[in-house]
PDB file of N, CA and C in Angstrom:
ATOM      1  N   UNK A   1    -169.999  -7.727  71.410  1.00  0.00           N
ATOM      2  CA  UNK A   1    -170.034  -9.158  72.344  1.00  0.00           C
ATOM      3  C   UNK A   1    -171.198  -9.341  72.132  1.00  0.00           C
ATOM      4  N   UNK A   2    -171.645  -9.368  71.210  1.00  0.00           N
ATOM      5  CA  UNK A   2    -172.705 -10.516  71.178  1.00  0.00           C
ATOM      6  C   UNK A   2    -171.886 -12.003  70.693  1.00  0.00           C
ATOM      7  N   UNK A   3    -171.115 -12.003  70.050  1.00  0.00           N
ATOM      8  CA  UNK A   3    -170.524 -13.049  69.421  1.00  0.00           C
ATOM      9  C   UNK A   3    -169.670 -13.998  71.284  1.00  0.00           C
ATOM     10  N   UNK A   4    -169.296 -15.171  71.186  1.00  0.00           N
ATOM     11  CA  UNK A   4    -169.263 -16.073  72.199  1.00  0.00           C
ATOM     12  C   UNK A   4    -167.256 -15.400  71.665  1.00  0.00           C
ATOM     13  N   UNK A   5    -166.898 -15.302  70.866  1.00  0.00           N
ATOM     14  CA  UNK A   5    -165.354 -15.124  70.895  1.00  0.00           C
ATOM     15  C   UNK A   5    -165.219 -13.517  71.024  1.00  0.00           C
ATOM     16  N   UNK A   6    -166.149 -12.743  70.915  1.00  0.00           N
ATOM     17  CA  UNK A   6    -165.682 -11.325  71.057  1.00  0.00           C
ATOM     18  C   UNK A   6    -165.246 -11.000  72.577  1.00  0.00           C
ATOM     19  N   UNK A   7    -164.540  -9.994  72.504  1.00  0.00           N
ATOM     20  CA  UNK A   7    -163.844  -9.479  74.006  1.00  0.00           C
ATOM     21  C   UNK A   7    -163.837  -8.249  73.860  1.00  0.00           C
ATOM     22  N   UNK A   8    -163.590  -7.729  75.641  1.00  0.00           N
ATOM     23  CA  UNK A   8    -163.512  -5.758  75.361  1.00  0.00           C
ATOM     24  C   UNK A   8    -162.509  -5.664  74.096  1.00  0.00           C
ATOM     25  N   UNK A   9    -161.181  -6.460  74.471  1.00  0.00           N
ATOM     26  CA  UNK A   9    -159.569  -6.179  73.949  1.00  0.00           C
ATOM     27  C   UNK A   9    -160.103  -6.009  72.419  1.00  0.00           C
ATOM     28  N   UNK A  10    -160.787  -7.051  72.179  1.00  0.00           N
ATOM     29  CA  UNK A  10    -161.193  -7.348  70.545  1.00  0.00           C
ATOM     30  C   UNK A  10    -161.734  -6.260  70.095  1.00  0.00           C
ATOM     31  N   UNK A  11    -162.936  -5.921  70.016  1.00  0.00           N
ATOM     32  CA  UNK A  11    -163.904  -4.988  70.074  1.00  0.00           C
ATOM     33  C   UNK A  11    -162.879  -3.504  70.470  1.00  0.00           C
ATOM     34  N   UNK A  12    -161.965  -3.132  71.180  1.00  0.00           N
ATOM     35  CA  UNK A  12    -161.691  -2.310  70.894  1.00  0.00           C
ATOM     36  C   UNK A  12    -160.715  -2.068  69.937  1.00  0.00           C
ATOM     37  N   UNK A  13    -159.901  -2.863  69.403  1.00  0.00           N
ATOM     38  CA  UNK A  13    -159.072  -3.098  68.894  1.00  0.00           C
ATOM     39  C   UNK A  13    -159.379  -2.394  67.463  1.00  0.00           C
ATOM     40  N   UNK A  14    -160.553  -3.283  66.979  1.00  0.00           N
ATOM     41  CA  UNK A  14    -161.680  -3.568  66.013  1.00  0.00           C
ATOM     42  C   UNK A  14    -161.913  -2.048  65.460  1.00  0.00           C
ATOM     43  N   UNK A  15    -162.360  -1.141  66.703  1.00  0.00           N
ATOM     44  CA  UNK A  15    -162.864   0.084  66.709  1.00  0.00           C
ATOM     45  C   UNK A  15    -162.281   1.563  67.078  1.00  0.00           C
ATOM     46  N   UNK A  16    -160.644   0.827  67.642  1.00  0.00           N
ATOM     47  CA  UNK A  16    -159.622   1.900  68.103  1.00  0.00           C
ATOM     48  C   UNK A  16    -159.863   3.133  68.993  1.00  0.00           C
ATOM     49  N   UNK A  17    -160.371   1.653  70.050  1.00  0.00           N
ATOM     50  CA  UNK A  17    -160.699   2.571  71.594  1.00  0.00           C
ATOM     51  C   UNK A  17    -159.795   1.781  72.223  1.00  0.00           C
ATOM     52  N   UNK A  18    -159.639   2.165  73.455  1.00  0.00           N
ATOM     53  CA  UNK A  18    -159.127   1.388  74.407  1.00  0.00           C
ATOM     54  C   UNK A  18    -160.144   0.386  75.237  1.00  0.00           C
ATOM     55  N   UNK A  19    -159.888  -0.546  75.272  1.00  0.00           N
ATOM     56  CA  UNK A  19    -160.808  -1.438  76.010  1.00  0.00           C
ATOM     57  C   UNK A  19    -161.696  -1.319  77.051  1.00  0.00           C
ATOM     58  N   UNK A  20    -160.759  -0.209  78.294  1.00  0.00           N
ATOM     59  CA  UNK A  20    -161.220   0.654  78.888  1.00  0.00           C
ATOM     60  C   UNK A  20    -162.950   1.058  78.641  1.00  0.00           C
ATOM     61  N   UNK A  21    -162.898   1.686  77.670  1.00  0.00           N
ATOM     62  CA  UNK A  21    -163.809   2.310  76.475  1.00  0.00           C
ATOM     63  C   UNK A  21    -164.650   1.525  76.813  1.00  0.00           C
ATOM     64  N   UNK A  22    -164.593   0.622  76.039  1.00  0.00           N
ATOM     65  CA  UNK A  22    -165.879  -0.421  75.343  1.00  0.00           C
ATOM     66  C   UNK A  22    -166.676  -0.975  76.583  1.00  0.00           C
ATOM     67  N   UNK A  23    -165.651  -1.673  78.318  1.00  0.00           N
ATOM     68  CA  UNK A  23    -165.782  -1.624  79.340  1.00  0.00           C
ATOM     69  C   UNK A  23    -166.823  -0.884  79.619  1.00  0.00           C
ATOM     70  N   UNK A  24    -166.913   0.457  79.803  1.00  0.00           N
ATOM     71  CA  UNK A  24    -167.686   1.539  80.144  1.00  0.00           C
ATOM     72  C   UNK A  24    -168.757   1.817  79.176  1.00  0.00           C
ATOM     73  N   UNK A  25    -168.910   1.707  78.205  1.00  0.00           N
ATOM     74  CA  UNK A  25    -169.828   1.248  77.304  1.00  0.00           C
ATOM     75  C   UNK A  25    -170.712  -0.120  77.318  1.00  0.00           C
ATOM     76  N   UNK A  26    -170.099  -0.585  77.510  1.00  0.00           N
ATOM     77  CA  UNK A  26    -170.852  -2.226  77.927  1.00  0.00           C
ATOM     78  C   UNK A  26    -171.153  -1.721  79.488  1.00  0.00           C
ATOM     79  N   UNK A  27    -170.515  -1.292  80.216  1.00  0.00           N
ATOM     80  CA  UNK A  27    -171.725  -1.475  81.618  1.00  0.00           C
ATOM     81  C   UNK A  27    -172.753  -0.327  81.834  1.00  0.00           C
ATOM     82  N   UNK A  28    -172.684   0.374  80.944  1.00  0.00           N
ATOM     83  CA  UNK A  28    -173.653   1.460  80.735  1.00  0.00           C
ATOM     84  C   UNK A  28    -174.751   1.274  80.303  1.00  0.00           C
ATOM     85  N   UNK A  29    -175.110   0.041  79.350  1.00  0.00           N
ATOM     86  CA  UNK A  29    -175.844   0.057  78.434  1.00  0.00           C
ATOM     87  C   UNK A  29    -176.233  -1.665  78.701  1.00  0.00           C
ATOM     88  N   UNK A  30    -175.529  -2.344  79.781  1.00  0.00           N
ATOM     89  CA  UNK A  30    -176.159  -3.522  79.476  1.00  0.00           C
ATOM     90  C   UNK A  30    -176.710  -3.774  80.796  1.00  0.00           C
ATOM     91  N   UNK A  31    -177.978  -4.428  81.168  1.00  0.00           N
ATOM     92  CA  UNK A  31    -178.101  -4.723  82.920  1.00  0.00           C
ATOM     93  C   UNK A  31    -178.328  -6.473  82.658  1.00  0.00           C
ATOM     94  N   UNK A  32    -177.138  -6.767  83.581  1.00  0.00           N
ATOM     95  CA  UNK A  32    -177.440  -8.411  83.502  1.00  0.00           C
ATOM     96  C   UNK A  32    -178.313  -9.020  84.466  1.00  0.00           C
ATOM     97  N   UNK A  33    -179.091  -9.335  85.084  1.00  0.00           N
ATOM     98  CA  UNK A  33    -179.889  -9.533  86.187  1.00  0.00           C
ATOM     99  C   UNK A  33    -179.115 -10.806  86.981  1.00  0.00           C
ATOM    100  N   UNK A  34    -179.171 -10.868  88.181  1.00  0.00           N
ATOM    101  CA  UNK A  34    -179.096 -11.658  89.232  1.00  0.00           C
ATOM    102  C   UNK A  34    -179.417 -12.716  89.293  1.00  0.00           C
ATOM    103  N   UNK A  35    -179.121 -14.020  88.893  1.00  0.00           N
ATOM    104  CA  UNK A  35    -180.083 -15.336  89.191  1.00  0.00           C
ATOM    105  C   UNK A  35    -180.564 -15.614  90.620  1.00  0.00           C
ATOM    106  N   UNK A  36    -181.475 -15.983  91.012  1.00  0.00           N
ATOM    107  CA  UNK A  36    -181.640 -16.152  92.263  1.00  0.00           C
ATOM    108  C   UNK A  36    -180.727 -16.808  93.662  1.00  0.00           C
ATOM    109  N   UNK A  37    -180.703 -16.552  94.674  1.00  0.00           N
ATOM    110  CA  UNK A  37    -179.777 -17.225  95.269  1.00  0.00           C
ATOM    111  C   UNK A  37    -179.856 -19.041  95.361  1.00  0.00           C
ATOM    112  N   UNK A  38    -179.141 -19.794  95.869  1.00  0.00           N
ATOM    113  CA  UNK A  38    -179.185 -20.641  95.197  1.00  0.00           C
ATOM    114  C   UNK A  38    -179.647 -21.512  96.882  1.00  0.00           C
ATOM    115  N   UNK A  39    -179.890 -22.570  96.773  1.00  0.00           N
ATOM    116  CA  UNK A  39    -179.503 -23.934  98.055  1.00  0.00           C
ATOM    117  C   UNK A  39    -178.101 -23.289  98.464  1.00  0.00           C
ATOM    118  N   UNK A  40    -177.102 -23.986  97.419  1.00  0.00           N
ATOM    119  CA  UNK A  40    -175.860 -23.935  98.145  1.00  0.00           C
ATOM    120  C   UNK A  40    -174.654 -23.095  97.516  1.00  0.00           C
ATOM    121  N   UNK A  41    -174.964 -21.645  98.584  1.00  0.00           N
ATOM    122  CA  UNK A  41    -174.262 -20.265  97.796  1.00  0.00           C
ATOM    123  C   UNK A  41    -172.677 -20.500  97.991  1.00  0.00           C
ATOM    124  N   UNK A  42    -171.610 -20.039  97.008  1.00  0.00           N
ATOM    125  CA  UNK A  42    -170.599 -20.146  97.422  1.00  0.00           C
ATOM    126  C   UNK A  42    -170.167 -18.880  97.100  1.00  0.00           C
ATOM    127  N   UNK A  43    -169.198 -18.196  97.900  1.00  0.00           N
ATOM    128  CA  UNK A  43    -168.686 -16.543  97.756  1.00  0.00           C
ATOM    129  C   UNK A  43    -167.170 -16.535  98.114  1.00  0.00           C
ATOM    130  N   UNK A  44    -167.100 -16.176  97.801  1.00  0.00           N
ATOM    131  CA  UNK A  44    -165.227 -15.606  97.319  1.00  0.00           C
ATOM    132  C   UNK A  44    -165.175 -14.450  96.375  1.00  0.00           C
ATOM    133  N   UNK A  45    -163.514 -13.894  97.058  1.00  0.00           N
ATOM    134  CA  UNK A  45    -163.540 -12.821  96.477  1.00  0.00           C
ATOM    135  C   UNK A  45    -162.052 -13.160  94.808  1.00  0.00           C
ATOM    136  N   UNK A  46    -162.678 -12.113  94.194  1.00  0.00           N
ATOM    137  CA  UNK A  46    -161.364 -11.849  93.060  1.00  0.00           C
ATOM    138  C   UNK A  46    -160.859 -11.119  92.854  1.00  0.00           C
ATOM    139  N   UNK A  47    -159.078 -10.999  92.769  1.00  0.00           N
ATOM    140  CA  UNK A  47    -158.706  -9.799  92.954  1.00  0.00           C
ATOM    141  C   UNK A  47    -158.515  -9.448  91.440  1.00  0.00           C
ATOM    142  N   UNK A  48    -158.646  -8.638  91.256  1.00  0.00           N
ATOM    143  CA  UNK A  48    -158.930  -7.189  89.834  1.00  0.00           C
ATOM    144  C   UNK A  48    -158.661  -5.975  89.829  1.00  0.00           C
ATOM    145  N   UNK A  49    -157.743  -5.741  90.037  1.00  0.00           N
ATOM    146  CA  UNK A  49    -156.907  -4.493  89.559  1.00  0.00           C
ATOM    147  C   UNK A  49    -157.237  -3.539  89.101  1.00  0.00           C
ATOM    148  N   UNK A  50    -158.380  -2.898  88.851  1.00  0.00           N
ATOM    149  CA  UNK A  50    -159.057  -1.928  88.315  1.00  0.00           C
ATOM    150  C   UNK A  50    -158.882  -0.803  88.630  1.00  0.00           C
ATOM    151  N   UNK A  51    -158.543  -0.597  89.891  1.00  0.00           N
ATOM    152  CA  UNK A  51    -158.919   0.691  90.923  1.00  0.00           C
ATOM    153  C   UNK A  51    -158.174   0.529  92.212  1.00  0.00           C
ATOM    154  N   UNK A  52    -157.691   2.000  92.625  1.00  0.00           N
ATOM    155  CA  UNK A  52    -157.017   1.517  93.480  1.00  0.00           C
ATOM    156  C   UNK A  52    -157.325   1.543  95.059  1.00  0.00           C
ATOM    157  N   UNK A  53    -158.838   1.948  94.960  1.00  0.00           N
ATOM    158  CA  UNK A  53    -160.250   2.177  95.575  1.00  0.00           C
ATOM    159  C   UNK A  53    -160.000   0.385  95.992  1.00  0.00           C
ATOM    160  N   UNK A  54    -160.560  -0.413  95.492  1.00  0.00           N
ATOM    161  CA  UNK A  54    -161.170  -1.581  94.934  1.00  0.00           C
ATOM    162  C   UNK A  54    -160.640  -2.862  94.267  1.00  0.00           C
ATOM    163  N   UNK A  55    -159.649  -3.737  94.935  1.00  0.00           N
ATOM    164  CA  UNK A  55    -159.325  -4.300  94.065  1.00  0.00           C
ATOM    165  C   UNK A  55    -159.547  -5.832  94.044  1.00  0.00           C
ATOM    166  N   UNK A  56    -160.669  -5.708  94.735  1.00  0.00           N
ATOM    167  CA  UNK A  56    -161.306  -7.393  94.807  1.00  0.00           C
ATOM    168  C   UNK A  56    -163.265  -7.140  94.549  1.00  0.00           C
ATOM    169  N   UNK A  57    -162.731  -8.212  93.635  1.00  0.00           N
ATOM    170  CA  UNK A  57    -164.708  -8.140  93.280  1.00  0.00           C
ATOM    171  C   UNK A  57    -165.306  -9.121  94.408  1.00  0.00           C
ATOM    172  N   UNK A  58    -166.551  -9.591  94.649  1.00  0.00           N
ATOM    173  CA  UNK A  58    -167.495 -10.369  95.094  1.00  0.00           C
ATOM    174  C   UNK A  58    -167.608 -11.481  93.906  1.00  0.00           C
ATOM    175  N   UNK A  59    -167.909 -12.674  94.143  1.00  0.00           N
ATOM    176  CA  UNK A  59    -168.379 -13.969  93.248  1.00  0.00           C
ATOM    177  C   UNK A  59    -169.721 -14.444  94.345  1.00  0.00           C
ATOM    178  N   UNK A  60    -170.563 -13.964  93.590  1.00  0.00           N
ATOM    179  CA  UNK A  60    -171.891 -15.123  94.374  1.00  0.00           C
ATOM    180  C   UNK A  60    -172.125 -16.309  93.030  1.00  0.00           C
ATOM    181  N   UNK A  61    -172.086 -16.977  93.816  1.00  0.00           N
ATOM    182  CA  UNK A  61    -171.649 -18.563  93.103  1.00  0.00           C
ATOM    183  C   UNK A  61    -172.997 -20.151  93.354  1.00  0.00           C
ATOM    184  N   UNK A  62    -174.021 -20.258  92.528  1.00  0.00           N
ATOM    185  CA  UNK A  62    -174.540 -21.354  93.022  1.00  0.00           C
ATOM    186  C   UNK A  62    -173.413 -22.363  92.916  1.00  0.00           C
ATOM    187  N   UNK A  63    -173.232 -23.547  93.814  1.00  0.00           N
ATOM    188  CA  UNK A  63    -172.397 -24.138  94.332  1.00  0.00           C
ATOM    189  C   UNK A  63    -172.398 -25.489  93.178  1.00  0.00           C
ATOM    190  N   UNK A  64    -174.222 -25.695  93.480  1.00  0.00           N
ATOM    191  CA  UNK A  64    -174.353 -27.202  93.119  1.00  0.00           C
ATOM    192  C   UNK A  64    -174.350 -27.018  91.152  1.00  0.00           C
ATOM    193  N   UNK A  65    -175.029 -26.281  91.172  1.00  0.00           N
ATOM    194  CA  UNK A  65    -174.779 -25.886  89.334  1.00  0.00           C
ATOM    195  C   UNK A  65    -173.447 -25.865  88.648  1.00  0.00           C
ATOM    196  N   UNK A  66    -173.118 -24.627  89.395  1.00  0.00           N
ATOM    197  CA  UNK A  66    -171.617 -24.019  89.126  1.00  0.00           C
ATOM    198  C   UNK A  66    -171.694 -22.212  88.065  1.00  0.00           C
ATOM    199  N   UNK A  67    -173.270 -22.095  88.478  1.00  0.00           N
ATOM    200  CA  UNK A  67    -173.547 -20.957  87.548  1.00  0.00           C
ATOM    201  C   UNK A  67    -173.660 -19.603  88.559  1.00  0.00           C
ATOM    202  N   UNK A  68    -172.914 -18.602  88.235  1.00  0.00           N
ATOM    203  CA  UNK A  68    -172.237 -17.483  88.725  1.00  0.00           C
ATOM    204  C   UNK A  68    -174.011 -16.505  89.116  1.00  0.00           C
ATOM    205  N   UNK A  69    -174.394 -16.529  90.112  1.00  0.00           N
ATOM    206  CA  UNK A  69    -175.525 -15.835  90.780  1.00  0.00           C
ATOM    207  C   UNK A  69    -174.987 -14.247  90.536  1.00  0.00           C
ATOM    208  N   UNK A  70    -173.999 -13.851  90.576  1.00  0.00           N
ATOM    209  CA  UNK A  70    -174.121 -12.258  90.352  1.00  0.00           C
ATOM    210  C   UNK A  70    -172.603 -11.838  91.241  1.00  0.00           C
ATOM    211  N   UNK A  71    -172.136 -11.196  90.127  1.00  0.00           N
ATOM    212  CA  UNK A  71    -170.534 -10.330  90.607  1.00  0.00           C
ATOM    213  C   UNK A  71    -171.099  -8.815  91.411  1.00  0.00           C
ATOM    214  N   UNK A  72    -169.964  -8.992  92.179  1.00  0.00           N
ATOM    215  CA  UNK A  72    -170.721  -7.242  93.298  1.00  0.00           C
ATOM    216  C   UNK A  72    -168.902  -6.540  92.991  1.00  0.00           C
ATOM    217  N   UNK A  73    -169.374  -5.396  92.845  1.00  0.00           N
ATOM    218  CA  UNK A  73    -167.971  -4.934  92.437  1.00  0.00           C
ATOM    219  C   UNK A  73    -167.538  -4.921  93.953  1.00  0.00           C
ATOM    220  N   UNK A  74    -167.439  -4.927  95.028  1.00  0.00           N
ATOM    221  CA  UNK A  74    -166.463  -5.053  95.568  1.00  0.00           C
ATOM    222  C   UNK A  74    -167.014  -6.382  96.338  1.00  0.00           C
ATOM    223  N   UNK A  75    -166.202  -6.333  97.754  1.00  0.00           N
ATOM    224  CA  UNK A  75    -166.413  -7.217  98.757  1.00  0.00           C
ATOM    225  C   UNK A  75    -166.022  -6.343 100.217  1.00  0.00           C
ATOM    226  N   UNK A  76    -166.632  -5.121 100.198  1.00  0.00           N
ATOM    227  CA  UNK A  76    -166.625  -4.368 101.608  1.00  0.00           C
ATOM    228  C   UNK A  76    -167.473  -4.782 102.051  1.00  0.00           C
ATOM    229  N   UNK A  77    -167.630  -4.631 103.496  1.00  0.00           N
ATOM    230  CA  UNK A  77    -169.247  -5.547 104.613  1.00  0.00           C
ATOM    231  C   UNK A  77    -169.947  -4.561 104.117  1.00  0.00           C
ATOM    232  N   UNK A  78    -169.962  -3.721 104.194  1.00  0.00           N
ATOM    233  CA  UNK A  78    -171.333  -2.403 103.913  1.00  0.00           C
ATOM    234  C   UNK A  78    -172.191  -2.986 103.106  1.00  0.00           C
ATOM    235  N   UNK A  79    -171.094  -2.740 101.267  1.00  0.00           N
ATOM    236  CA  UNK A  79    -171.646  -3.456 100.020  1.00  0.00           C
ATOM    237  C   UNK A  79    -172.404  -4.719  99.920  1.00  0.00           C
ATOM    238  N   UNK A  80    -171.802  -5.693 100.449  1.00  0.00           N
ATOM    239  CA  UNK A  80    -172.453  -6.945 100.849  1.00  0.00           C
ATOM    240  C   UNK A  80    -173.504  -7.225 101.407  1.00  0.00           C
ATOM    241  N   UNK A  81    -173.776  -6.187 103.053  1.00  0.00           N
ATOM    242  CA  UNK A  81    -174.538  -5.745 103.353  1.00  0.00           C
ATOM    243  C   UNK A  81    -175.866  -5.362 102.870  1.00  0.00           C
ATOM    244  N   UNK A  82    -175.204  -4.763 102.012  1.00  0.00           N
ATOM    245  CA  UNK A  82    -176.736  -3.630 101.395  1.00  0.00           C
ATOM    246  C   UNK A  82    -177.120  -4.769 100.457  1.00  0.00           C
ATOM    247  N   UNK A  83    -176.599  -5.029  99.704  1.00  0.00           N
ATOM    248  CA  UNK A  83    -176.740  -6.058  98.474  1.00  0.00           C
ATOM    249  C   UNK A  83    -177.891  -7.433  99.021  1.00  0.00           C
ATOM    250  N   UNK A  84    -177.025  -8.202 100.213  1.00  0.00           N
ATOM    251  CA  UNK A  84    -177.752  -8.840 100.693  1.00  0.00           C
ATOM    252  C   UNK A  84    -179.492  -8.700 101.638  1.00  0.00           C
ATOM    253  N   UNK A  85    -179.258  -7.093 101.983  1.00  0.00           N
ATOM    254  CA  UNK A  85    -180.412  -6.594 102.610  1.00  0.00           C
ATOM    255  C   UNK A  85    -181.859  -6.215 101.174  1.00  0.00           C
ATOM    256  N   UNK A  86    -180.886  -6.262 100.341  1.00  0.00           N
ATOM    257  CA  UNK A  86    -182.232  -5.378  99.611  1.00  0.00           C
ATOM    258  C   UNK A  86    -182.752  -6.889  98.744  1.00  0.00           C
ATOM    259  N   UNK A  87    -182.169  -8.161  99.085  1.00  0.00           N
ATOM    260  CA  UNK A  87    -182.451  -9.267  98.519  1.00  0.00           C
ATOM    261  C   UNK A  87    -183.508  -9.882  99.356  1.00  0.00           C
ATOM    262  N   UNK A  88    -184.872 -10.248  98.980  1.00  0.00           N
ATOM    263  CA  UNK A  88    -185.753 -10.314  99.236  1.00  0.00           C
ATOM    264  C   UNK A  88    -185.463 -11.652 100.637  1.00  0.00           C
ATOM    265  N   UNK A  89    -186.426 -11.528 101.600  1.00  0.00           N
ATOM    266  CA  UNK A  89    -186.112 -12.384 102.880  1.00  0.00           C
ATOM    267  C   UNK A  89    -186.145 -13.666 102.618  1.00  0.00           C
ATOM    268  N   UNK A  90    -187.453 -14.161 101.776  1.00  0.00           N
ATOM    269  CA  UNK A  90    -187.806 -15.410 101.622  1.00  0.00           C
ATOM    270  C   UNK A  90    -186.743 -15.897 100.548  1.00  0.00           C
ATOM    271  N   UNK A  91    -185.744 -14.981  99.475  1.00  0.00           N
ATOM    272  CA  UNK A  91    -184.995 -15.714  99.346  1.00  0.00           C
ATOM    273  C   UNK A  91    -183.901 -16.597  99.730  1.00  0.00           C
ATOM    274  N   UNK A  92    -183.566 -15.787 100.431  1.00  0.00           N
ATOM    275  CA  UNK A  92    -182.161 -15.759 101.670  1.00  0.00           C
ATOM    276  C   UNK A  92    -182.521 -17.138 102.724  1.00  0.00           C
ATOM    277  N   UNK A  93    -183.749 -16.849 102.809  1.00  0.00           N
ATOM    278  CA  UNK A  93    -183.704 -18.271 103.713  1.00  0.00           C
ATOM    279  C   UNK A  93    -183.661 -19.660 103.241  1.00  0.00           C
ATOM    280  N   UNK A  94    -183.764 -19.306 101.414  1.00  0.00           N
ATOM    281  CA  UNK A  94    -183.500 -20.796 100.829  1.00  0.00           C
ATOM    282  C   UNK A  94    -182.350 -21.359 101.150  1.00  0.00           C
ATOM    283  N   UNK A  95    -181.232 -19.974 101.209  1.00  0.00           N
ATOM    284  CA  UNK A  95    -179.926 -20.694 101.472  1.00  0.00           C
ATOM    285  C   UNK A  95    -179.835 -21.429 102.537  1.00  0.00           C
ATOM    286  N   UNK A  96    -179.322 -23.010 102.081  1.00  0.00           N
ATOM    287  CA  UNK A  96    -179.272 -23.956 103.886  1.00  0.00           C
ATOM    288  C   UNK A  96    -177.940 -24.072 103.708  1.00  0.00           C
ATOM    289  N   UNK A  97    -177.178 -23.524 103.071  1.00  0.00           N
ATOM    290  CA  UNK A  97    -175.170 -23.887 102.969  1.00  0.00           C
ATOM    291  C   UNK A  97    -174.730 -23.085 102.362  1.00  0.00           C
ATOM    292  N   UNK A  98    -173.853 -22.102 102.903  1.00  0.00           N
ATOM    293  CA  UNK A  98    -172.873 -21.087 102.422  1.00  0.00           C
ATOM    294  C   UNK A  98    -171.617 -22.191 102.235  1.00  0.00           C
ATOM    295  N   UNK A  99    -170.951 -22.002 101.470  1.00  0.00           N
ATOM    296  CA  UNK A  99    -169.469 -22.611 100.796  1.00  0.00           C
ATOM    297  C   UNK A  99    -168.760 -20.842 101.425  1.00  0.00           C
ATOM    298  N   UNK A 100    -167.968 -20.861 101.497  1.00  0.00           N
ATOM    299  CA  UNK A 100    -166.948 -19.673 101.844  1.00  0.00           C
ATOM    300  C   UNK A 100    -165.063 -20.444 102.671  1.00  0.00           C
ATOM    301  N   UNK A 101    -164.364 -19.127 102.289  1.00  0.00           N
ATOM    302  CA  UNK A 101    -163.084 -19.061 102.383  1.00  0.00           C
ATOM    303  C   UNK A 101    -163.423 -18.944 104.210  1.00  0.00           C
ATOM    304  N   UNK A 102    -162.208 -18.736 104.874  1.00  0.00           N
ATOM    305  CA  UNK A 102    -161.769 -18.844 105.947  1.00  0.00           C
ATOM    306  C   UNK A 102    -162.022 -17.249 106.673  1.00  0.00           C
ATOM    307  N   UNK A 103    -162.149 -16.145 105.243  1.00  0.00           N
ATOM    308  CA  UNK A 103    -161.999 -14.619 106.099  1.00  0.00           C
ATOM    309  C   UNK A 103    -163.267 -14.513 107.017  1.00  0.00           C
ATOM    310  N   UNK A 104    -163.163 -13.744 108.144  1.00  0.00           N
ATOM    311  CA  UNK A 104    -164.043 -13.578 108.984  1.00  0.00           C
ATOM    312  C   UNK A 104    -165.561 -12.826 108.410  1.00  0.00           C
ATOM    313  N   UNK A 105    -165.094 -12.022 107.621  1.00  0.00           N
ATOM    314  CA  UNK A 105    -165.994 -11.311 106.969  1.00  0.00           C
ATOM    315  C   UNK A 105    -167.527 -11.873 106.301  1.00  0.00           C
ATOM    316  N   UNK A 106    -166.986 -13.263 105.573  1.00  0.00           N
ATOM    317  CA  UNK A 106    -168.140 -14.455 105.100  1.00  0.00           C
ATOM    318  C   UNK A 106    -168.907 -14.802 106.461  1.00  0.00           C
ATOM    319  N   UNK A 107    -168.024 -15.036 107.525  1.00  0.00           N
ATOM    320  CA  UNK A 107    -169.427 -15.290 108.847  1.00  0.00           C
ATOM    321  C   UNK A 107    -169.852 -14.569 109.417  1.00  0.00           C
ATOM    322  N   UNK A 108    -169.798 -13.542 109.573  1.00  0.00           N
ATOM    323  CA  UNK A 108    -170.335 -12.289 110.035  1.00  0.00           C
ATOM    324  C   UNK A 108    -171.734 -12.231 109.204  1.00  0.00           C
ATOM    325  N   UNK A 109    -171.378 -12.063 107.798  1.00  0.00           N
ATOM    326  CA  UNK A 109    -172.634 -12.314 106.766  1.00  0.00           C
ATOM    327  C   UNK A 109    -173.196 -12.884 106.852  1.00  0.00           C
ATOM    328  N   UNK A 110    -172.948 -13.958 107.096  1.00  0.00           N
ATOM    329  CA  UNK A 110    -173.890 -15.451 107.132  1.00  0.00           C
ATOM    330  C   UNK A 110    -175.066 -15.464 108.760  1.00  0.00           C
ATOM    331  N   UNK A 111    -174.321 -15.210 109.415  1.00  0.00           N
ATOM    332  CA  UNK A 111    -174.815 -15.376 110.862  1.00  0.00           C
ATOM    333  C   UNK A 111    -176.065 -14.294 110.974  1.00  0.00           C
ATOM    334  N   UNK A 112    -175.474 -13.252 109.898  1.00  0.00           N
ATOM    335  CA  UNK A 112    -176.650 -12.048 110.199  1.00  0.00           C
ATOM    336  C   UNK A 112    -177.248 -11.751 109.122  1.00  0.00           C
ATOM    337  N   UNK A 113    -177.112 -12.157 108.379  1.00  0.00           N
ATOM    338  CA  UNK A 113    -177.363 -11.298 106.947  1.00  0.00           C
ATOM    339  C   UNK A 113    -178.469 -12.642 106.042  1.00  0.00           C
ATOM    340  N   UNK A 114    -177.866 -13.632 106.205  1.00  0.00           N
ATOM    341  CA  UNK A 114    -178.290 -14.728 105.297  1.00  0.00           C
ATOM    342  C   UNK A 114    -179.551 -15.500 105.844  1.00  0.00           C
ATOM    343  N   UNK A 115    -180.612 -16.036 105.140  1.00  0.00           N
ATOM    344  CA  UNK A 115    -182.094 -16.622 105.701  1.00  0.00           C
ATOM    345  C   UNK A 115    -182.294 -16.243 107.088  1.00  0.00           C
ATOM    346  N   UNK A 116    -181.825 -14.645 107.506  1.00  0.00           N
ATOM    347  CA  UNK A 116    -182.629 -14.111 108.486  1.00  0.00           C
ATOM    348  C   UNK A 116    -183.519 -12.971 107.777  1.00  0.00           C
TER     349      UNK A 116
END
């Protein structure tokens, strides 16, 4: 997967295994650090039906540079609160603007965990 043209599927085909096995191996051995929270944070969910218990990922993005800050495995409120609570307070305080859809969870998170 070092090649930009490599995909989980192409690697799986090359080594005669399931793409889900390649993803699992990748996840066990690669730890991509998140970027710091930006001044303008965009939050949204992405439908990825890989698991019956959770069909949405949460994407945090720097709205100004369009860089992905982090991708969380869930959009569940408790998981997002834990993530933000583990983020240093001074970093959360650097967030001036949050861009999100109208889903009430985003407003709850902003009011209680971003910048506080």
